[in-house]
Amino acid sequence: MTSDPLRLVGGAADEEERAAELALRPKSLDEFIGQERVREQLGLVLDAAKARSRPADHILLSGGPGLGKTTLAMIVAAEMEAPLRISSGPAITHAGDLAAVLSSLAEGEVLFLDEVHRMARPAEEMLYMAMEDFRVDVVVGKGPGATAIPLDLPHFTLIGATTRAGLLPAPLRDRFGFTAHMDLYEPAELELVLSRSARLLGIDLRKDGGREVALRSRGTPRIANRLLRRVRDFAEVRAKGVVTGPVAAAALEIYEVDALGLDRLDRAVLTALVRLFGGGPVGLSTLAVAVGEEPETVEVVAEPFLVRAGLLARTPRGRIATPAAWSHLGLAPPRTHPATGAMTLPLDDGD
């Protein structure tokens, strides 16, 4: 298991959720909330391209899932008044797939490639020439009789999205004219996202309700909107449709999302680390066995947010729980030796 589409606090989304998100997506940069530096820089790129009456430079967007990369791609196409073609790296398994997509593009069209770092290597090498020279060589035939036929392409704008920019080879990364990294949102920004979504969905969301949902959304608009829909269900059934702070807290308690946005898996990892292994260090495989999950699930699904939240640390000797993890679980952190940092006795509540 390498993704988390079924987790309430997971950043991934399935097709059904993407369809639900469509009505909530902003249509212009002015409507887009958060990512102020990226919006300003991208606005300059697009305005300059429109002033020259040319397609915009190729754009690379990096950042975690659910932060708005697809939305920004749609906004770029709308701002440039150009059609948008959407595909993904995993869908392009060989160079012929990419050649078919590129050869069918119209002048000025925007091509959005999600998970561009997962594209097949032969297609990736073809993309270098397409991005730089707007042409590809299509190989016809096999063996000694194979012939490369050059094919000119219309000028297009490629928008690549990746959650792992470090996996992109340098030749591909260098061909993007504009690169932007999208950061996690602050709670105040998520409150604005939730307020806008509530208006569009007809939800009676009070300020304290929006704040409660925002604090549990792990800095991600997609998760915030997902939690809002679940809180709406609870409010309609048990609170006359009004989402206040206590109502939101009660709803998310039922869905096992705590005050920091941790779910069952996150808390299981922390609890095992603290209660079974004294805070660590402990190896990944041992920790995974303790929580009944595959090591890859713990490493890919649970650990990234726990590390970002300052609750877990990776060390050469294994995973360790930070003092914040002990506190979050309502436990006193252990005493450590001032010189070696080695764990000694747990602190009493009175210490």
Protein backbone atom coordinates (compact mmCIF):
# COMPACT_ATOMS: atom_id res chain seq x y z
CA MET A 1 0.00 0.00 0.00
CA THR A 2 1.69 3.18 -1.17
CA SER A 3 -1.17 5.67 -1.29
CA ASP A 4 -3.99 6.63 0.99
CA PRO A 5 -7.14 7.38 -1.06
CA LEU A 6 -9.46 5.92 1.59
CA ARG A 7 -8.05 7.82 4.58
CA LEU A 8 -10.16 10.74 5.70
CA VAL A 9 -6.99 12.74 6.31
CA GLY A 10 -5.12 11.40 3.28
CA GLY A 11 -4.03 13.80 0.55
CA ALA A 12 -4.88 11.46 -2.34
CA ALA A 13 -8.27 11.52 -4.05
CA ASP A 14 -10.20 9.05 -6.18
CA GLU A 15 -12.27 9.90 -9.25
CA GLU A 16 -15.47 10.38 -7.25
CA GLU A 17 -13.85 12.91 -4.97
CA ARG A 18 -12.22 14.76 -7.86
CA ALA A 19 -15.67 15.15 -9.39
CA ALA A 20 -16.97 16.56 -6.10
CA GLU A 21 -14.02 18.96 -5.97
CA LEU A 22 -14.73 20.33 -9.44
CA ALA A 23 -17.52 22.61 -8.22
CA LEU A 24 -15.24 24.04 -5.52
CA ARG A 25 -12.20 24.82 -7.67
CA PRO A 26 -11.45 28.53 -8.14
CA LYS A 27 -11.51 29.67 -11.74
CA SER A 28 -8.89 32.45 -11.60
CA LEU A 29 -5.75 33.44 -9.73
CA ASP A 30 -7.73 36.14 -7.91
CA GLU A 31 -10.06 33.47 -6.48
CA PHE A 32 -7.23 31.12 -5.51
CA ILE A 33 -6.60 31.25 -1.76
CA GLY A 34 -3.14 30.87 -0.23
CA GLN A 35 0.25 30.29 -1.92
CA GLU A 36 0.66 34.05 -2.26
CA ARG A 37 4.24 34.00 -3.53
CA VAL A 38 3.41 31.34 -6.14
CA ARG A 39 0.30 33.24 -7.26
CA GLU A 40 2.26 36.48 -7.69
CA GLN A 41 5.08 34.83 -9.61
CA LEU A 42 2.72 32.81 -11.79
CA GLY A 43 0.65 35.93 -12.49
CA LEU A 44 3.74 37.68 -13.83
CA VAL A 45 4.60 34.71 -16.06
CA LEU A 46 1.10 34.63 -17.54
CA ASP A 47 0.77 38.40 -17.97
CA ALA A 48 4.11 38.54 -19.78
CA ALA A 49 3.11 35.68 -22.08
CA LYS A 50 -0.20 37.34 -22.92
CA ALA A 51 1.57 40.64 -23.63
CA ARG A 52 3.83 38.83 -26.14
CA SER A 53 0.88 36.88 -27.57
CA ARG A 54 2.79 33.65 -27.03
CA PRO A 55 2.17 30.52 -24.97
CA ALA A 56 3.53 30.67 -21.42
CA ASP A 57 6.79 29.00 -20.48
CA HIS A 58 6.66 25.43 -19.26
CA ILE A 59 5.70 25.27 -15.59
CA LEU A 60 6.68 22.80 -12.85
CA LEU A 61 4.55 22.64 -9.71
CA SER A 62 5.82 20.61 -6.77
CA GLY A 63 4.27 19.94 -3.38
CA GLY A 64 2.22 17.43 -1.46
CA PRO A 65 -1.08 16.03 -2.75
CA GLY A 66 -4.17 18.16 -2.27
CA LEU A 67 -2.47 21.58 -2.29
CA GLY A 68 -3.97 22.78 -5.59
CA LYS A 69 -1.56 21.82 -8.38
CA THR A 70 -4.34 20.61 -10.68
CA THR A 71 -6.40 23.67 -9.87
CA LEU A 72 -3.52 25.97 -10.82
CA ALA A 73 -3.10 24.10 -14.12
CA MET A 74 -6.77 24.71 -14.90
CA ILE A 75 -6.37 28.37 -13.96
CA VAL A 76 -3.35 28.75 -16.26
CA ALA A 77 -5.38 27.40 -19.19
CA ALA A 78 -8.30 29.69 -18.34
CA GLU A 79 -6.08 32.76 -17.97
CA MET A 80 -4.37 32.01 -21.29
CA GLU A 81 -7.77 31.26 -22.92
CA ALA A 82 -6.32 27.97 -24.12
CA PRO A 83 -7.66 24.41 -24.13
CA LEU A 84 -6.39 22.07 -21.43
CA ARG A 85 -5.27 18.46 -21.92
CA ILE A 86 -4.86 16.37 -18.75
CA SER A 87 -2.78 13.22 -18.46
CA SER A 88 -0.35 11.67 -15.99
CA GLY A 89 3.12 10.19 -15.89
CA PRO A 90 1.99 6.63 -15.07
CA ALA A 91 -0.39 6.67 -18.06
CA ILE A 92 2.51 7.27 -20.47
CA THR A 93 4.23 3.91 -20.52
CA HIS A 94 6.34 4.34 -23.67
CA ALA A 95 7.41 6.99 -26.15
CA GLY A 96 4.57 6.20 -28.56
CA ASP A 97 1.99 7.21 -25.95
CA LEU A 98 3.64 10.60 -25.53
CA ALA A 99 4.06 11.10 -29.28
CA ALA A 100 0.33 10.47 -29.76
CA VAL A 101 -0.55 13.07 -27.12
CA LEU A 102 1.91 15.69 -28.35
CA SER A 103 1.01 15.33 -32.03
CA SER A 104 -2.66 15.99 -31.29
CA LEU A 105 -2.09 19.25 -29.40
CA ALA A 106 -3.34 22.53 -30.81
CA GLU A 107 -1.32 25.75 -30.96
CA GLY A 108 -1.08 27.29 -27.48
CA GLU A 109 -2.72 24.30 -25.76
CA VAL A 110 -1.85 23.56 -22.14
CA LEU A 111 -0.76 19.98 -21.38
CA PHE A 112 -0.97 19.02 -17.70
CA LEU A 113 1.03 15.97 -16.66
CA ASP A 114 0.36 14.90 -13.11
CA GLU A 115 2.99 12.78 -11.33
CA VAL A 116 5.43 13.67 -14.07
CA HIS A 117 8.26 11.99 -12.13
CA ARG A 118 6.65 8.58 -12.83
CA MET A 119 6.89 8.81 -16.61
CA ALA A 120 8.67 6.01 -18.49
CA ARG A 121 12.30 6.84 -19.33
CA PRO A 122 11.94 6.59 -23.17
CA ALA A 123 8.98 8.99 -23.05
CA GLU A 124 10.89 11.28 -20.74
CA GLU A 125 13.77 11.53 -23.20
CA MET A 126 11.33 12.32 -26.01
CA LEU A 127 9.82 15.04 -23.85
CA TYR A 128 13.18 16.84 -23.62
CA MET A 129 13.17 17.61 -27.34
CA ALA A 130 9.45 18.40 -27.39
CA MET A 131 9.79 20.98 -24.62
CA GLU A 132 12.90 22.62 -26.02
CA ASP A 133 12.57 22.40 -29.80
CA PHE A 134 8.83 21.67 -30.20
CA ARG A 135 9.50 18.63 -32.32
CA VAL A 136 9.83 14.88 -31.83
CA ASP A 137 11.40 12.09 -33.83
CA VAL A 138 8.93 9.30 -34.46
CA VAL A 139 10.62 5.98 -35.15
CA VAL A 140 8.96 3.90 -37.87
CA GLY A 141 9.89 0.26 -38.22
CA LYS A 142 12.28 -1.91 -36.23
CA GLY A 143 15.86 -3.03 -36.38
CA PRO A 144 18.33 -1.82 -39.04
CA GLY A 145 15.47 -0.64 -41.25
CA ALA A 146 13.97 1.68 -38.65
CA THR A 147 13.59 5.30 -39.72
CA ALA A 148 13.25 8.40 -37.56
CA ILE A 149 10.73 10.85 -38.98
CA PRO A 150 10.93 14.38 -37.49
CA LEU A 151 7.53 15.76 -36.50
CA ASP A 152 7.06 19.45 -35.81
CA LEU A 153 4.80 20.31 -32.89
CA PRO A 154 2.71 23.39 -32.21
CA HIS A 155 3.98 25.64 -29.44
CA PHE A 156 2.36 24.42 -26.24
CA THR A 157 2.74 24.92 -22.50
CA LEU A 158 3.60 21.88 -20.40
CA ILE A 159 2.60 21.99 -16.74
CA GLY A 160 4.23 19.21 -14.78
CA ALA A 161 3.08 18.36 -11.27
CA THR A 162 5.06 16.25 -8.84
CA THR A 163 4.93 15.35 -5.18
CA ARG A 164 8.60 14.31 -5.30
CA ALA A 165 10.64 16.91 -7.15
CA GLY A 166 13.87 15.21 -6.13
CA LEU A 167 13.03 12.25 -8.40
CA LEU A 168 12.96 14.41 -11.52
CA PRO A 169 16.15 14.11 -13.57
CA ALA A 170 18.04 17.37 -13.94
CA PRO A 171 17.65 17.56 -17.76
CA LEU A 172 13.87 17.51 -17.40
CA ARG A 173 13.76 19.86 -14.43
CA ASP A 174 15.98 22.40 -16.23
CA ARG A 175 13.62 22.63 -19.20
CA PHE A 176 10.84 24.19 -17.14
CA GLY A 177 10.90 27.95 -17.42
CA PHE A 178 9.10 28.47 -14.10
CA THR A 179 9.26 26.23 -11.04
CA ALA A 180 7.09 26.69 -7.96
CA HIS A 181 6.94 24.79 -4.70
CA MET A 182 3.59 24.77 -2.96
CA ASP A 183 3.70 24.81 0.84
CA LEU A 184 1.24 23.55 3.41
CA TYR A 185 -1.45 26.06 4.33
CA GLU A 186 -1.71 27.94 7.61
CA PRO A 187 -4.94 27.42 9.61
CA ALA A 188 -6.06 30.99 8.85
CA GLU A 189 -5.76 30.31 5.11
CA LEU A 190 -7.69 27.07 5.44
CA GLU A 191 -10.45 28.96 7.26
CA LEU A 192 -10.81 31.14 4.15
CA VAL A 193 -10.90 28.03 1.94
CA LEU A 194 -13.58 26.48 4.16
CA SER A 195 -15.64 29.66 4.25
CA ARG A 196 -15.67 29.81 0.45
CA SER A 197 -16.53 26.10 0.15
CA ALA A 198 -19.31 26.44 2.71
CA ARG A 199 -20.90 29.25 0.68
CA LEU A 200 -20.77 27.18 -2.49
CA LEU A 201 -22.19 24.09 -0.77
CA GLY A 202 -24.83 25.98 1.20
CA ILE A 203 -23.40 24.97 4.60
CA ASP A 204 -24.10 27.10 7.68
CA LEU A 205 -20.49 27.22 8.87
CA ARG A 206 -19.78 29.41 11.89
CA LYS A 207 -16.37 30.94 12.46
CA ASP A 208 -15.46 28.66 15.36
CA GLY A 209 -16.59 25.66 13.30
CA GLY A 210 -14.33 26.65 10.43
CA ARG A 211 -11.45 27.11 12.84
CA GLU A 212 -11.96 23.65 14.34
CA VAL A 213 -11.99 21.96 10.94
CA ALA A 214 -8.98 23.98 9.73
CA LEU A 215 -6.86 22.94 12.72
CA ARG A 216 -7.46 19.25 11.93
CA SER A 217 -6.85 19.49 8.17
CA ARG A 218 -3.09 18.93 8.15
CA GLY A 219 -2.44 22.12 6.18
CA THR A 220 -4.17 20.74 3.07
CA PRO A 221 -7.23 22.26 1.33
CA ARG A 222 -8.38 18.89 -0.07
CA ILE A 223 -8.48 17.41 3.43
CA ALA A 224 -10.22 20.53 4.76
CA ASN A 225 -12.99 20.26 2.17
CA ARG A 226 -13.33 16.52 2.79
CA LEU A 227 -13.68 17.03 6.54
CA LEU A 228 -16.17 19.82 5.90
CA ARG A 229 -18.42 17.44 3.97
CA ARG A 230 -18.32 14.89 6.80
CA VAL A 231 -19.00 17.57 9.40
CA ARG A 232 -21.93 18.78 7.29
CA ASP A 233 -23.42 15.27 7.39
CA PHE A 234 -23.14 15.19 11.17
CA ALA A 235 -24.59 18.69 11.54
CA GLU A 236 -27.58 17.94 9.30
CA VAL A 237 -28.44 14.82 11.29
CA ARG A 238 -27.66 15.94 14.83
CA ALA A 239 -27.24 19.72 14.97
CA LYS A 240 -29.94 21.24 12.74
CA GLY A 241 -27.40 21.89 9.99
CA VAL A 242 -25.33 24.45 11.92
CA VAL A 243 -21.59 23.77 12.08
CA THR A 244 -20.16 25.32 15.25
CA GLY A 245 -16.85 24.54 16.94
CA PRO A 246 -18.33 21.95 19.33
CA VAL A 247 -20.34 20.36 16.51
CA ALA A 248 -17.24 20.07 14.31
CA ALA A 249 -15.21 18.61 17.18
CA ALA A 250 -17.93 16.07 17.97
CA ALA A 251 -18.24 15.04 14.32
CA LEU A 252 -14.52 14.57 13.82
CA GLU A 253 -14.26 12.64 17.06
CA ILE A 254 -16.64 10.09 15.53
CA TYR A 255 -14.45 9.93 12.42
CA GLU A 256 -11.36 9.46 14.64
CA VAL A 257 -9.60 12.65 13.58
CA ASP A 258 -8.07 14.27 16.64
CA ALA A 259 -7.14 17.87 17.43
CA LEU A 260 -3.88 17.69 15.44
CA GLY A 261 -5.42 15.91 12.46
CA LEU A 262 -4.07 12.49 13.42
CA ASP A 263 -6.18 9.46 12.52
CA ARG A 264 -6.21 5.88 13.78
CA LEU A 265 -3.04 4.84 11.93
CA ASP A 266 -1.06 7.88 13.08
CA ARG A 267 -2.03 7.36 16.71
CA ALA A 268 -1.34 3.62 16.49
CA VAL A 269 2.21 4.34 15.31
CA LEU A 270 2.84 6.87 18.09
CA THR A 271 1.23 4.71 20.76
CA ALA A 272 3.28 1.66 19.79
CA LEU A 273 6.46 3.73 19.66
CA VAL A 274 5.84 5.21 23.11
CA ARG A 275 4.14 2.44 25.06
CA LEU A 276 5.79 -0.66 23.58
CA PHE A 277 9.26 0.67 22.83
CA GLY A 278 9.68 3.46 25.39
CA GLY A 279 9.90 6.12 22.71
CA GLY A 280 12.50 4.31 20.59
CA PRO A 281 14.72 4.10 18.75
CA VAL A 282 13.04 1.22 16.95
CA GLY A 283 13.38 -0.12 13.42
CA LEU A 284 10.71 0.46 10.79
CA SER A 285 9.92 -3.23 10.30
CA THR A 286 9.50 -3.82 14.03
CA LEU A 287 7.28 -0.77 14.36
CA ALA A 288 5.15 -1.91 11.41
CA VAL A 289 4.64 -5.35 12.94
CA ALA A 290 3.56 -3.72 16.20
CA VAL A 291 0.77 -1.78 14.47
CA GLY A 292 -0.23 -4.60 12.10
CA GLU A 293 0.70 -2.77 8.89
CA GLU A 294 3.22 -3.18 6.11
CA PRO A 295 6.50 -1.25 6.59
CA GLU A 296 5.80 0.68 3.37
CA THR A 297 2.41 1.78 4.71
CA VAL A 298 3.96 3.15 7.89
CA GLU A 299 6.79 4.85 6.00
CA VAL A 300 4.79 6.35 3.14
CA VAL A 301 1.36 6.95 4.67
CA ALA A 302 1.88 7.76 8.35
CA GLU A 303 5.42 8.98 8.85
CA PRO A 304 5.57 12.07 6.59
CA PHE A 305 2.95 13.98 8.54
CA LEU A 306 4.19 12.76 11.93
CA VAL A 307 7.67 14.04 11.06
CA ARG A 308 6.33 17.39 9.79
CA ALA A 309 4.24 17.76 12.94
CA GLY A 310 7.32 17.23 15.11
CA LEU A 311 5.93 14.06 16.70
CA LEU A 312 8.36 11.53 15.25
CA ALA A 313 11.99 11.67 14.15
CA ARG A 314 14.03 9.37 11.95
CA THR A 315 17.52 8.64 13.20
CA PRO A 316 20.30 6.27 12.03
CA ARG A 317 19.31 3.91 14.85
CA GLY A 318 15.58 3.96 14.10
CA ARG A 319 12.39 5.92 14.76
CA ILE A 320 12.02 7.90 17.99
CA ALA A 321 9.09 9.74 19.54
CA THR A 322 9.66 13.40 20.36
CA PRO A 323 8.55 15.00 23.63
CA ALA A 324 5.60 16.47 21.70
CA ALA A 325 4.41 12.94 20.90
CA TRP A 326 4.44 11.96 24.56
CA SER A 327 2.53 15.12 25.44
CA HIS A 328 -0.04 14.56 22.69
CA LEU A 329 -0.75 11.11 24.10
CA GLY A 330 -1.14 12.58 27.58
CA LEU A 331 2.09 11.03 28.88
CA ALA A 332 5.12 12.53 30.57
CA PRO A 333 8.22 12.41 28.37
CA PRO A 334 11.20 10.40 29.68
CA ARG A 335 14.16 11.96 31.40
CA THR A 336 17.32 12.04 29.29
CA HIS A 337 20.95 12.28 30.33
CA PRO A 338 22.15 15.88 29.72
CA ALA A 339 25.39 14.72 28.08
CA THR A 340 24.49 11.57 26.15
CA GLY A 341 20.77 12.10 25.58
CA ALA A 342 20.19 8.51 26.69
CA MET A 343 16.80 7.76 28.20
CA THR A 344 16.71 7.12 31.94
CA LEU A 345 13.63 7.18 34.13
CA PRO A 346 10.27 8.61 33.14
CA LEU A 347 9.39 11.89 34.73
CA ASP A 348 6.73 11.97 37.40
CA ASP A 349 3.88 14.39 36.94
CA GLY A 350 5.27 16.40 39.83
CA ASP A 351 8.76 16.78 38.33
